[in-house]
C-alpha atoms as a PDB file:
ATOM      1  CA  UNK A   1     -40.948  70.162 184.529  1.00  0.00           C
ATOM      2  CA  UNK A   2     -42.490  72.297 181.796  1.00  0.00           C
ATOM      3  CA  UNK A   3     -44.173  74.561 184.367  1.00  0.00           C
ATOM      4  CA  UNK A   4     -40.805  75.158 186.003  1.00  0.00           C
ATOM      5  CA  UNK A   5     -39.132  75.943 182.683  1.00  0.00           C
ATOM      6  CA  UNK A   6     -41.993  78.212 181.669  1.00  0.00           C
ATOM      7  CA  UNK A   7     -41.636  80.183 184.881  1.00  0.00           C
ATOM      8  CA  UNK A   8     -37.898  80.475 184.325  1.00  0.00           C
ATOM      9  CA  UNK A   9     -38.309  81.929 180.848  1.00  0.00           C
ATOM     10  CA  UNK A  10     -40.929  84.394 182.090  1.00  0.00           C
ATOM     11  CA  UNK A  11     -38.574  85.676 184.780  1.00  0.00           C
ATOM     12  CA  UNK A  12     -35.635  85.974 182.403  1.00  0.00           C
ATOM     13  CA  UNK A  13     -37.547  88.073 179.904  1.00  0.00           C
ATOM     14  CA  UNK A  14     -39.892  89.804 182.399  1.00  0.00           C
ATOM     15  CA  UNK A  15     -42.657  88.971 179.923  1.00  0.00           C
ATOM     16  CA  UNK A  16     -46.186  87.946 180.972  1.00  0.00           C
ATOM     17  CA  UNK A  17     -47.233  84.627 179.470  1.00  0.00           C
ATOM     18  CA  UNK A  18     -50.838  84.963 178.294  1.00  0.00           C
ATOM     19  CA  UNK A  19     -50.810  83.435 174.783  1.00  0.00           C
ATOM     20  CA  UNK A  20     -53.653  81.213 173.557  1.00  0.00           C
ATOM     21  CA  UNK A  21     -51.245  78.447 172.521  1.00  0.00           C
ATOM     22  CA  UNK A  22     -47.788  77.839 173.955  1.00  0.00           C
ATOM     23  CA  UNK A  23     -45.143  75.237 173.220  1.00  0.00           C
ATOM     24  CA  UNK A  24     -42.181  74.880 175.563  1.00  0.00           C
ATOM     25  CA  UNK A  25     -39.107  73.325 173.962  1.00  0.00           C
ATOM     26  CA  UNK A  26     -35.401  73.035 174.528  1.00  0.00           C
ATOM     27  CA  UNK A  27     -32.328  70.899 174.739  1.00  0.00           C
ATOM     28  CA  UNK A  28     -29.624  70.177 177.280  1.00  0.00           C
ATOM     29  CA  UNK A  29     -26.383  69.281 175.549  1.00  0.00           C
ATOM     30  CA  UNK A  30     -23.134  68.527 177.358  1.00  0.00           C
ATOM     31  CA  UNK A  31     -19.862  67.057 176.132  1.00  0.00           C
ATOM     32  CA  UNK A  32     -16.264  66.220 176.929  1.00  0.00           C
ATOM     33  CA  UNK A  33     -13.743  67.508 174.394  1.00  0.00           C
ATOM     34  CA  UNK A  34     -10.054  66.857 173.822  1.00  0.00           C
ATOM     35  CA  UNK A  35      -8.853  69.480 171.350  1.00  0.00           C
ATOM     36  CA  UNK A  36      -5.401  70.720 170.401  1.00  0.00           C
ATOM     37  CA  UNK A  37      -4.538  74.360 171.043  1.00  0.00           C
ATOM     38  CA  UNK A  38      -2.707  76.500 168.457  1.00  0.00           C
ATOM     39  CA  UNK A  39       0.594  74.884 169.476  1.00  0.00           C
ATOM     40  CA  UNK A  40      -0.756  71.371 169.036  1.00  0.00           C
ATOM     41  CA  UNK A  41      -1.095  70.585 172.741  1.00  0.00           C
ATOM     42  CA  UNK A  42      -4.234  68.580 173.620  1.00  0.00           C
ATOM     43  CA  UNK A  43      -6.579  70.180 176.156  1.00  0.00           C
ATOM     44  CA  UNK A  44      -9.371  68.124 177.748  1.00  0.00           C
ATOM     45  CA  UNK A  45     -12.496  69.961 178.864  1.00  0.00           C
ATOM     46  CA  UNK A  46     -16.036  69.198 180.025  1.00  0.00           C
ATOM     47  CA  UNK A  47     -18.288  71.865 178.518  1.00  0.00           C
ATOM     48  CA  UNK A  48     -21.713  73.012 177.432  1.00  0.00           C
ATOM     49  CA  UNK A  49     -22.692  72.512 173.781  1.00  0.00           C
ATOM     50  CA  UNK A  50     -25.476  74.859 172.764  1.00  0.00           C
ATOM     51  CA  UNK A  51     -28.044  74.108 175.467  1.00  0.00           C
ATOM     52  CA  UNK A  52     -31.184  76.247 175.176  1.00  0.00           C
ATOM     53  CA  UNK A  53     -34.791  76.678 176.210  1.00  0.00           C
ATOM     54  CA  UNK A  54     -37.638  78.546 174.559  1.00  0.00           C
ATOM     55  CA  UNK A  55     -41.352  79.130 174.145  1.00  0.00           C
ATOM     56  CA  UNK A  56     -43.394  79.444 170.945  1.00  0.00           C
ATOM     57  CA  UNK A  57     -46.585  81.500 171.194  1.00  0.00           C
ATOM     58  CA  UNK A  58     -49.465  81.644 168.700  1.00  0.00           C
ATOM     59  CA  UNK A  59     -52.994  83.019 168.724  1.00  0.00           C
ATOM     60  CA  UNK A  60     -55.670  83.285 166.039  1.00  0.00           C
ATOM     61  CA  UNK A  61     -56.463  86.957 165.512  1.00  0.00           C
ATOM     62  CA  UNK A  62     -58.910  86.667 162.631  1.00  0.00           C
ATOM     63  CA  UNK A  63     -60.629  83.788 160.865  1.00  0.00           C
ATOM     64  CA  UNK A  64     -62.042  83.704 157.360  1.00  0.00           C
ATOM     65  CA  UNK A  65     -60.773  83.496 153.793  1.00  0.00           C
ATOM     66  CA  UNK A  66     -57.445  84.960 154.918  1.00  0.00           C
ATOM     67  CA  UNK A  67     -56.809  83.861 158.489  1.00  0.00           C
ATOM     68  CA  UNK A  68     -54.494  86.028 160.562  1.00  0.00           C
ATOM     69  CA  UNK A  69     -52.397  84.506 163.331  1.00  0.00           C
ATOM     70  CA  UNK A  70     -50.188  86.287 165.797  1.00  0.00           C
ATOM     71  CA  UNK A  71     -46.996  84.531 166.859  1.00  0.00           C
ATOM     72  CA  UNK A  72     -43.899  85.086 168.963  1.00  0.00           C
ATOM     73  CA  UNK A  73     -40.796  83.217 170.069  1.00  0.00           C
ATOM     74  CA  UNK A  74     -38.597  83.657 173.127  1.00  0.00           C
ATOM     75  CA  UNK A  75     -35.417  81.567 173.288  1.00  0.00           C
ATOM     76  CA  UNK A  76     -32.397  81.787 175.565  1.00  0.00           C
ATOM     77  CA  UNK A  77     -29.122  79.933 175.527  1.00  0.00           C
ATOM     78  CA  UNK A  78     -28.158  78.125 178.724  1.00  0.00           C
ATOM     79  CA  UNK A  79     -24.494  78.174 179.746  1.00  0.00           C
ATOM     80  CA  UNK A  80     -24.317  75.142 182.001  1.00  0.00           C
ATOM     81  CA  UNK A  81     -20.702  76.012 182.877  1.00  0.00           C
ATOM     82  CA  UNK A  82     -21.313  79.573 184.067  1.00  0.00           C
ATOM     83  CA  UNK A  83     -20.582  80.171 187.751  1.00  0.00           C
ATOM     84  CA  UNK A  84     -21.592  83.833 187.770  1.00  0.00           C
ATOM     85  CA  UNK A  85     -24.602  85.792 186.578  1.00  0.00           C
ATOM     86  CA  UNK A  86     -24.461  85.005 182.846  1.00  0.00           C
ATOM     87  CA  UNK A  87     -26.168  81.610 182.828  1.00  0.00           C
ATOM     88  CA  UNK A  88     -28.678  82.806 180.226  1.00  0.00           C
ATOM     89  CA  UNK A  89     -28.192  84.817 177.038  1.00  0.00           C
ATOM     90  CA  UNK A  90     -30.755  85.936 174.489  1.00  0.00           C
ATOM     91  CA  UNK A  91     -30.818  83.892 171.300  1.00  0.00           C
ATOM     92  CA  UNK A  92     -34.198  84.775 169.781  1.00  0.00           C
ATOM     93  CA  UNK A  93     -36.926  87.229 170.759  1.00  0.00           C
ATOM     94  CA  UNK A  94     -39.432  88.279 168.109  1.00  0.00           C
ATOM     95  CA  UNK A  95     -43.122  88.708 167.345  1.00  0.00           C
ATOM     96  CA  UNK A  96     -45.110  88.840 164.133  1.00  0.00           C
ATOM     97  CA  UNK A  97     -48.286  88.148 162.195  1.00  0.00           C
ATOM     98  CA  UNK A  98     -48.977  85.317 159.757  1.00  0.00           C
ATOM     99  CA  UNK A  99     -51.292  86.335 156.904  1.00  0.00           C
ATOM    100  CA  UNK A 100     -51.678  82.845 155.455  1.00  0.00           C
ATOM    101  CA  UNK A 101     -50.997  82.762 151.708  1.00  0.00           C
ATOM    102  CA  UNK A 102     -49.737  86.354 151.873  1.00  0.00           C
ATOM    103  CA  UNK A 103     -46.830  85.289 154.074  1.00  0.00           C
ATOM    104  CA  UNK A 104     -45.677  86.392 157.513  1.00  0.00           C
ATOM    105  CA  UNK A 105     -43.915  89.467 158.881  1.00  0.00           C
ATOM    106  CA  UNK A 106     -41.919  89.541 162.122  1.00  0.00           C
ATOM    107  CA  UNK A 107     -39.574  91.818 164.004  1.00  0.00           C
ATOM    108  CA  UNK A 108     -37.031  91.500 166.811  1.00  0.00           C
ATOM    109  CA  UNK A 109     -33.973  89.299 167.317  1.00  0.00           C
ATOM    110  CA  UNK A 110     -34.182  86.604 164.637  1.00  0.00           C
ATOM    111  CA  UNK A 111     -32.196  83.960 162.761  1.00  0.00           C
ATOM    112  CA  UNK A 112     -30.589  85.054 159.502  1.00  0.00           C
ATOM    113  CA  UNK A 113     -31.981  83.355 156.359  1.00  0.00           C
ATOM    114  CA  UNK A 114     -28.445  82.776 155.049  1.00  0.00           C
ATOM    115  CA  UNK A 115     -27.379  80.906 158.184  1.00  0.00           C
ATOM    116  CA  UNK A 116     -29.838  78.093 157.465  1.00  0.00           C
ATOM    117  CA  UNK A 117     -28.954  77.482 153.810  1.00  0.00           C
ATOM    118  CA  UNK A 118     -26.075  75.003 154.260  1.00  0.00           C
ATOM    119  CA  UNK A 119     -27.244  71.386 154.351  1.00  0.00           C
ATOM    120  CA  UNK A 120     -23.828  70.170 155.495  1.00  0.00           C
ATOM    121  CA  UNK A 121     -24.337  71.001 159.180  1.00  0.00           C
ATOM    122  CA  UNK A 122     -25.023  67.382 160.108  1.00  0.00           C
ATOM    123  CA  UNK A 123     -22.667  66.978 163.080  1.00  0.00           C
ATOM    124  CA  UNK A 124     -23.483  67.540 166.750  1.00  0.00           C
ATOM    125  CA  UNK A 125     -20.298  69.243 167.937  1.00  0.00           C
ATOM    126  CA  UNK A 126     -17.657  69.508 165.205  1.00  0.00           C
ATOM    127  CA  UNK A 127     -17.728  70.107 161.447  1.00  0.00           C
ATOM    128  CA  UNK A 128     -19.583  72.884 159.598  1.00  0.00           C
ATOM    129  CA  UNK A 129     -16.487  75.096 159.721  1.00  0.00           C
ATOM    130  CA  UNK A 130     -16.070  76.036 156.061  1.00  0.00           C
ATOM    131  CA  UNK A 131     -19.134  78.173 155.233  1.00  0.00           C
ATOM    132  CA  UNK A 132     -18.881  81.953 154.821  1.00  0.00           C
ATOM    133  CA  UNK A 133     -22.062  83.767 155.901  1.00  0.00           C
ATOM    134  CA  UNK A 134     -22.939  86.998 157.714  1.00  0.00           C
ATOM    135  CA  UNK A 135     -24.233  85.803 161.104  1.00  0.00           C
ATOM    136  CA  UNK A 136     -26.526  83.333 162.852  1.00  0.00           C
ATOM    137  CA  UNK A 137     -28.827  85.844 164.570  1.00  0.00           C
ATOM    138  CA  UNK A 138     -29.276  89.605 164.827  1.00  0.00           C
ATOM    139  CA  UNK A 139     -31.384  92.129 166.706  1.00  0.00           C
ATOM    140  CA  UNK A 140     -33.107  95.171 165.159  1.00  0.00           C
ATOM    141  CA  UNK A 141     -34.394  93.000 162.327  1.00  0.00           C
ATOM    142  CA  UNK A 142     -37.520  92.734 160.179  1.00  0.00           C
ATOM    143  CA  UNK A 143     -38.276  89.529 158.270  1.00  0.00           C
ATOM    144  CA  UNK A 144     -40.772  88.484 155.597  1.00  0.00           C
ATOM    145  CA  UNK A 145     -41.367  84.759 154.963  1.00  0.00           C
ATOM    146  CA  UNK A 146     -43.611  82.926 152.515  1.00  0.00           C
ATOM    147  CA  UNK A 147     -44.088  79.645 150.665  1.00  0.00           C
ATOM    148  CA  UNK A 148     -45.531  79.516 147.154  1.00  0.00           C
ATOM    149  CA  UNK A 149     -45.918  76.073 145.668  1.00  0.00           C
ATOM    150  CA  UNK A 150     -42.778  74.222 146.665  1.00  0.00           C
ATOM    151  CA  UNK A 151     -40.636  77.357 147.001  1.00  0.00           C
ATOM    152  CA  UNK A 152     -39.968  78.766 150.465  1.00  0.00           C
ATOM    153  CA  UNK A 153     -38.351  82.190 150.795  1.00  0.00           C
ATOM    154  CA  UNK A 154     -37.184  84.570 153.522  1.00  0.00           C
ATOM    155  CA  UNK A 155     -36.024  88.176 153.321  1.00  0.00           C
ATOM    156  CA  UNK A 156     -34.581  89.952 156.356  1.00  0.00           C
ATOM    157  CA  UNK A 157     -33.194  93.449 156.897  1.00  0.00           C
ATOM    158  CA  UNK A 158     -31.316  94.908 159.850  1.00  0.00           C
ATOM    159  CA  UNK A 159     -31.799  98.563 160.735  1.00  0.00           C
ATOM    160  CA  UNK A 160     -29.890  99.126 163.969  1.00  0.00           C
ATOM    161  CA  UNK A 161     -29.185 102.860 163.770  1.00  0.00           C
ATOM    162  CA  UNK A 162     -25.902 102.414 165.633  1.00  0.00           C
ATOM    163  CA  UNK A 163     -23.478 102.271 162.719  1.00  0.00           C
ATOM    164  CA  UNK A 164     -23.912 105.877 161.617  1.00  0.00           C
ATOM    165  CA  UNK A 165     -25.409 104.656 158.339  1.00  0.00           C
ATOM    166  CA  UNK A 166     -28.947 105.763 157.529  1.00  0.00           C
ATOM    167  CA  UNK A 167     -31.359 103.100 156.279  1.00  0.00           C
ATOM    168  CA  UNK A 168     -30.728  99.369 155.893  1.00  0.00           C
ATOM    169  CA  UNK A 169     -27.471  98.084 157.394  1.00  0.00           C
ATOM    170  CA  UNK A 170     -27.749  94.441 156.275  1.00  0.00           C
ATOM    171  CA  UNK A 171     -30.007  92.660 153.779  1.00  0.00           C
ATOM    172  CA  UNK A 172     -30.221  88.854 153.938  1.00  0.00           C
ATOM    173  CA  UNK A 173     -32.372  86.574 151.756  1.00  0.00           C
ATOM    174  CA  UNK A 174     -32.725  82.864 151.023  1.00  0.00           C
ATOM    175  CA  UNK A 175     -34.868  80.424 149.085  1.00  0.00           C
ATOM    176  CA  UNK A 176     -35.291  76.644 149.088  1.00  0.00           C
ATOM    177  CA  UNK A 177     -37.116  74.078 146.977  1.00  0.00           C
ATOM    178  CA  UNK A 178     -37.368  70.293 146.655  1.00  0.00           C
ATOM    179  CA  UNK A 179     -37.262  68.842 143.139  1.00  0.00           C
ATOM    180  CA  UNK A 180     -37.863  65.111 143.257  1.00  0.00           C
ATOM    181  CA  UNK A 181     -35.135  63.583 145.434  1.00  0.00           C
ATOM    182  CA  UNK A 182     -33.019  66.749 145.219  1.00  0.00           C
ATOM    183  CA  UNK A 183     -33.235  69.455 147.891  1.00  0.00           C
ATOM    184  CA  UNK A 184     -31.800  72.857 146.902  1.00  0.00           C
ATOM    185  CA  UNK A 185     -31.227  76.110 148.797  1.00  0.00           C
ATOM    186  CA  UNK A 186     -29.465  79.404 148.117  1.00  0.00           C
ATOM    187  CA  UNK A 187     -28.877  82.615 150.022  1.00  0.00           C
ATOM    188  CA  UNK A 188     -27.418  86.081 149.582  1.00  0.00           C
ATOM    189  CA  UNK A 189     -26.462  88.672 152.198  1.00  0.00           C
ATOM    190  CA  UNK A 190     -25.257  92.243 151.719  1.00  0.00           C
ATOM    191  CA  UNK A 191     -23.412  93.828 154.641  1.00  0.00           C
ATOM    192  CA  UNK A 192     -23.970  97.394 153.461  1.00  0.00           C
ATOM    193  CA  UNK A 193     -21.985  99.020 156.269  1.00  0.00           C
ATOM    194  CA  UNK A 194     -18.784  97.029 155.644  1.00  0.00           C
ATOM    195  CA  UNK A 195     -19.250  96.526 151.871  1.00  0.00           C
ATOM    196  CA  UNK A 196     -19.107  92.723 152.143  1.00  0.00           C
ATOM    197  CA  UNK A 197     -21.410  90.340 150.281  1.00  0.00           C
ATOM    198  CA  UNK A 198     -22.030  86.663 151.016  1.00  0.00           C
ATOM    199  CA  UNK A 199     -23.417  83.979 148.697  1.00  0.00           C
ATOM    200  CA  UNK A 200     -24.274  80.442 149.816  1.00  0.00           C
ATOM    201  CA  UNK A 201     -25.568  77.593 147.629  1.00  0.00           C
ATOM    202  CA  UNK A 202     -26.331  74.111 148.950  1.00  0.00           C
ATOM    203  CA  UNK A 203     -27.925  70.876 147.807  1.00  0.00           C
ATOM    204  CA  UNK A 204     -28.618  67.394 149.061  1.00  0.00           C
ATOM    205  CA  UNK A 205     -30.159  64.081 148.099  1.00  0.00           C
ATOM    206  CA  UNK A 206     -30.497  60.499 149.308  1.00  0.00           C
ATOM    207  CA  UNK A 207     -28.870  57.736 147.258  1.00  0.00           C
ATOM    208  CA  UNK A 208     -29.457  54.134 148.319  1.00  0.00           C
ATOM    209  CA  UNK A 209     -30.016  55.191 151.914  1.00  0.00           C
ATOM    210  CA  UNK A 210     -26.960  57.466 151.992  1.00  0.00           C
ATOM    211  CA  UNK A 211     -27.592  61.179 152.502  1.00  0.00           C
ATOM    212  CA  UNK A 212     -25.242  63.307 150.381  1.00  0.00           C
ATOM    213  CA  UNK A 213     -24.911  67.078 150.841  1.00  0.00           C
ATOM    214  CA  UNK A 214     -22.715  69.846 149.478  1.00  0.00           C
ATOM    215  CA  UNK A 215     -22.299  73.577 150.133  1.00  0.00           C
ATOM    216  CA  UNK A 216     -20.467  76.359 148.294  1.00  0.00           C
ATOM    217  CA  UNK A 217     -20.015  79.830 149.785  1.00  0.00           C
ATOM    218  CA  UNK A 218     -18.383  83.066 148.664  1.00  0.00           C
ATOM    219  CA  UNK A 219     -17.316  86.058 150.743  1.00  0.00           C
ATOM    220  CA  UNK A 220     -17.102  88.972 148.307  1.00  0.00           C
ATOM    221  CA  UNK A 221     -14.803  91.617 149.764  1.00  0.00           C
ATOM    222  CA  UNK A 222     -11.466  93.241 148.867  1.00  0.00           C
ATOM    223  CA  UNK A 223     -10.064  89.728 148.465  1.00  0.00           C
ATOM    224  CA  UNK A 224     -12.738  87.175 147.558  1.00  0.00           C
ATOM    225  CA  UNK A 225     -12.766  84.015 149.672  1.00  0.00           C
ATOM    226  CA  UNK A 226     -14.526  80.714 148.970  1.00  0.00           C
ATOM    227  CA  UNK A 227     -15.599  77.808 151.122  1.00  0.00           C
ATOM    228  CA  UNK A 228     -16.593  74.251 150.193  1.00  0.00           C
ATOM    229  CA  UNK A 229     -18.166  71.495 152.250  1.00  0.00           C
ATOM    230  CA  UNK A 230     -19.295  67.958 151.431  1.00  0.00           C
ATOM    231  CA  UNK A 231     -20.883  65.441 153.789  1.00  0.00           C
ATOM    232  CA  UNK A 232     -22.296  61.932 153.681  1.00  0.00           C
ATOM    233  CA  UNK A 233     -24.275  60.090 156.333  1.00  0.00           C
ATOM    234  CA  UNK A 234     -25.941  56.725 156.715  1.00  0.00           C
ATOM    235  CA  UNK A 235     -28.552  55.737 159.292  1.00  0.00           C
ATOM    236  CA  UNK A 236     -29.263  52.160 160.314  1.00  0.00           C
ATOM    237  CA  UNK A 237     -31.932  51.754 162.978  1.00  0.00           C
ATOM    238  CA  UNK A 238     -30.852  54.071 165.821  1.00  0.00           C
ATOM    239  CA  UNK A 239     -27.259  54.610 164.658  1.00  0.00           C
ATOM    240  CA  UNK A 240     -26.042  57.316 162.264  1.00  0.00           C
ATOM    241  CA  UNK A 241     -22.539  57.414 160.786  1.00  0.00           C
ATOM    242  CA  UNK A 242     -21.290  60.633 159.170  1.00  0.00           C
ATOM    243  CA  UNK A 243     -18.213  61.935 157.361  1.00  0.00           C
ATOM    244  CA  UNK A 244     -17.432  65.424 156.090  1.00  0.00           C
ATOM    245  CA  UNK A 245     -14.790  67.467 154.298  1.00  0.00           C
ATOM    246  CA  UNK A 246     -14.449  71.255 154.342  1.00  0.00           C
ATOM    247  CA  UNK A 247     -12.079  73.739 152.706  1.00  0.00           C
ATOM    248  CA  UNK A 248     -12.263  77.355 153.913  1.00  0.00           C
ATOM    249  CA  UNK A 249      -9.921  79.549 151.905  1.00  0.00           C
ATOM    250  CA  UNK A 250      -7.150  81.235 153.923  1.00  0.00           C
ATOM    251  CA  UNK A 251      -8.303  79.413 157.062  1.00  0.00           C
ATOM    252  CA  UNK A 252      -8.038  75.600 157.034  1.00  0.00           C
ATOM    253  CA  UNK A 253      -9.225  72.317 155.584  1.00  0.00           C
ATOM    254  CA  UNK A 254     -11.211  69.903 157.739  1.00  0.00           C
ATOM    255  CA  UNK A 255     -11.962  66.182 157.782  1.00  0.00           C
ATOM    256  CA  UNK A 256     -14.689  65.193 160.243  1.00  0.00           C
ATOM    257  CA  UNK A 257     -16.120  61.801 161.187  1.00  0.00           C
ATOM    258  CA  UNK A 258     -18.851  61.078 163.686  1.00  0.00           C
ATOM    259  CA  UNK A 259     -21.304  58.549 165.046  1.00  0.00           C
ATOM    260  CA  UNK A 260     -24.509  59.086 166.997  1.00  0.00           C
ATOM    261  CA  UNK A 261     -26.937  56.726 168.690  1.00  0.00           C
ATOM    262  CA  UNK A 262     -30.539  57.458 169.681  1.00  0.00           C
ATOM    263  CA  UNK A 263     -31.037  56.080 173.171  1.00  0.00           C
ATOM    264  CA  UNK A 264     -34.697  57.171 173.018  1.00  0.00           C
ATOM    265  CA  UNK A 265     -36.865  59.663 171.142  1.00  0.00           C
ATOM    266  CA  UNK A 266     -35.369  62.473 173.231  1.00  0.00           C
ATOM    267  CA  UNK A 267     -31.861  61.308 174.210  1.00  0.00           C
ATOM    268  CA  UNK A 268     -28.935  61.149 171.778  1.00  0.00           C
ATOM    269  CA  UNK A 269     -25.323  60.130 172.399  1.00  0.00           C
ATOM    270  CA  UNK A 270     -22.570  61.155 169.980  1.00  0.00           C
ATOM    271  CA  UNK A 271     -18.828  60.860 169.348  1.00  0.00           C
ATOM    272  CA  UNK A 272     -16.918  62.926 166.771  1.00  0.00           C
ATOM    273  CA  UNK A 273     -13.349  63.461 165.593  1.00  0.00           C
ATOM    274  CA  UNK A 274     -11.920  66.187 163.364  1.00  0.00           C
ATOM    275  CA  UNK A 275      -8.532  66.757 161.716  1.00  0.00           C
ATOM    276  CA  UNK A 276      -7.732  70.398 160.920  1.00  0.00           C
ATOM    277  CA  UNK A 277      -5.006  71.409 158.456  1.00  0.00           C
ATOM    278  CA  UNK A 278      -4.426  75.071 159.302  1.00  0.00           C
ATOM    279  CA  UNK A 279      -3.492  77.326 156.378  1.00  0.00           C
ATOM    280  CA  UNK A 280      -0.124  79.051 156.781  1.00  0.00           C
ATOM    281  CA  UNK A 281       0.783  77.020 159.860  1.00  0.00           C
ATOM    282  CA  UNK A 282       3.093  74.071 160.333  1.00  0.00           C
ATOM    283  CA  UNK A 283       0.919  72.866 163.221  1.00  0.00           C
ATOM    284  CA  UNK A 284      -2.135  70.816 162.362  1.00  0.00           C
ATOM    285  CA  UNK A 285      -4.679  70.196 165.087  1.00  0.00           C
ATOM    286  CA  UNK A 286      -7.117  67.471 166.120  1.00  0.00           C
ATOM    287  CA  UNK A 287     -10.445  67.824 167.915  1.00  0.00           C
ATOM    288  CA  UNK A 288     -12.511  65.142 169.642  1.00  0.00           C
ATOM    289  CA  UNK A 289     -15.919  65.308 171.310  1.00  0.00           C
ATOM    290  CA  UNK A 290     -18.073  62.859 173.259  1.00  0.00           C
ATOM    291  CA  UNK A 291     -21.482  64.102 174.342  1.00  0.00           C
ATOM    292  CA  UNK A 292     -25.080  63.518 175.347  1.00  0.00           C
ATOM    293  CA  UNK A 293     -28.071  65.585 174.191  1.00  0.00           C
ATOM    294  CA  UNK A 294     -31.543  65.607 175.729  1.00  0.00           C
ATOM    295  CA  UNK A 295     -34.271  67.279 173.648  1.00  0.00           C
ATOM    296  CA  UNK A 296     -37.791  68.143 174.758  1.00  0.00           C
END
């Protein structure tokens, strides 16, 4: 199975696979949804839910007091519903060097630091609607990452040359730290081209077996917009129950509930329901999802 997937990735990227260490990973995620359209009419659909496949590469370049490791990642999204030629799309494609305590530097198509700050993204299909941030991933990027003590930090810049603006087009940074039972993270992004700034702050902790998380975000533009999210989840054996609330200014408020069950270490079933109160509309909408996720 892994040999087949490895060959598939190599063909997609036309990239020879000769790394010292390789790790093939991925997930196949499919669901049935029943969601209201803008008029409040329910539409049932069987659809893909973020399926993907990828390879991590690493190789020791230099040993000693400061070891140097080369690394790379290739990841594509899989559209299980596509009937044409767009079954795969590039999610991540980057390479870099890890200088140990000096941190790591990488370039290519990478995840934005700000996109990973929110700790309220606990659902499998719905929820996580009320956070303002720049983007999930971007090409033409350079990233520096390091961990000092308990503080982890990432700084990323985008220089795409296509906007007509010389120099850095976007700067995105984040930091995270655990203090006792409390986990904290914050991020800031500056969209230089469009003069928009994003700030995200999030925290979480476990209380008597219940995981509590909250996120605040700000989109600083001509009219400032804020977003709030709060979630709680409880896991008993193989079952996890979750509830969330989100308020995205000028967009909607959301109430989400969900349950998931681990059928094995790699197979997860889930069911979720969301109520959406749309700002400026007399029509509120509901969303439902029932799915199965296989991770390897």
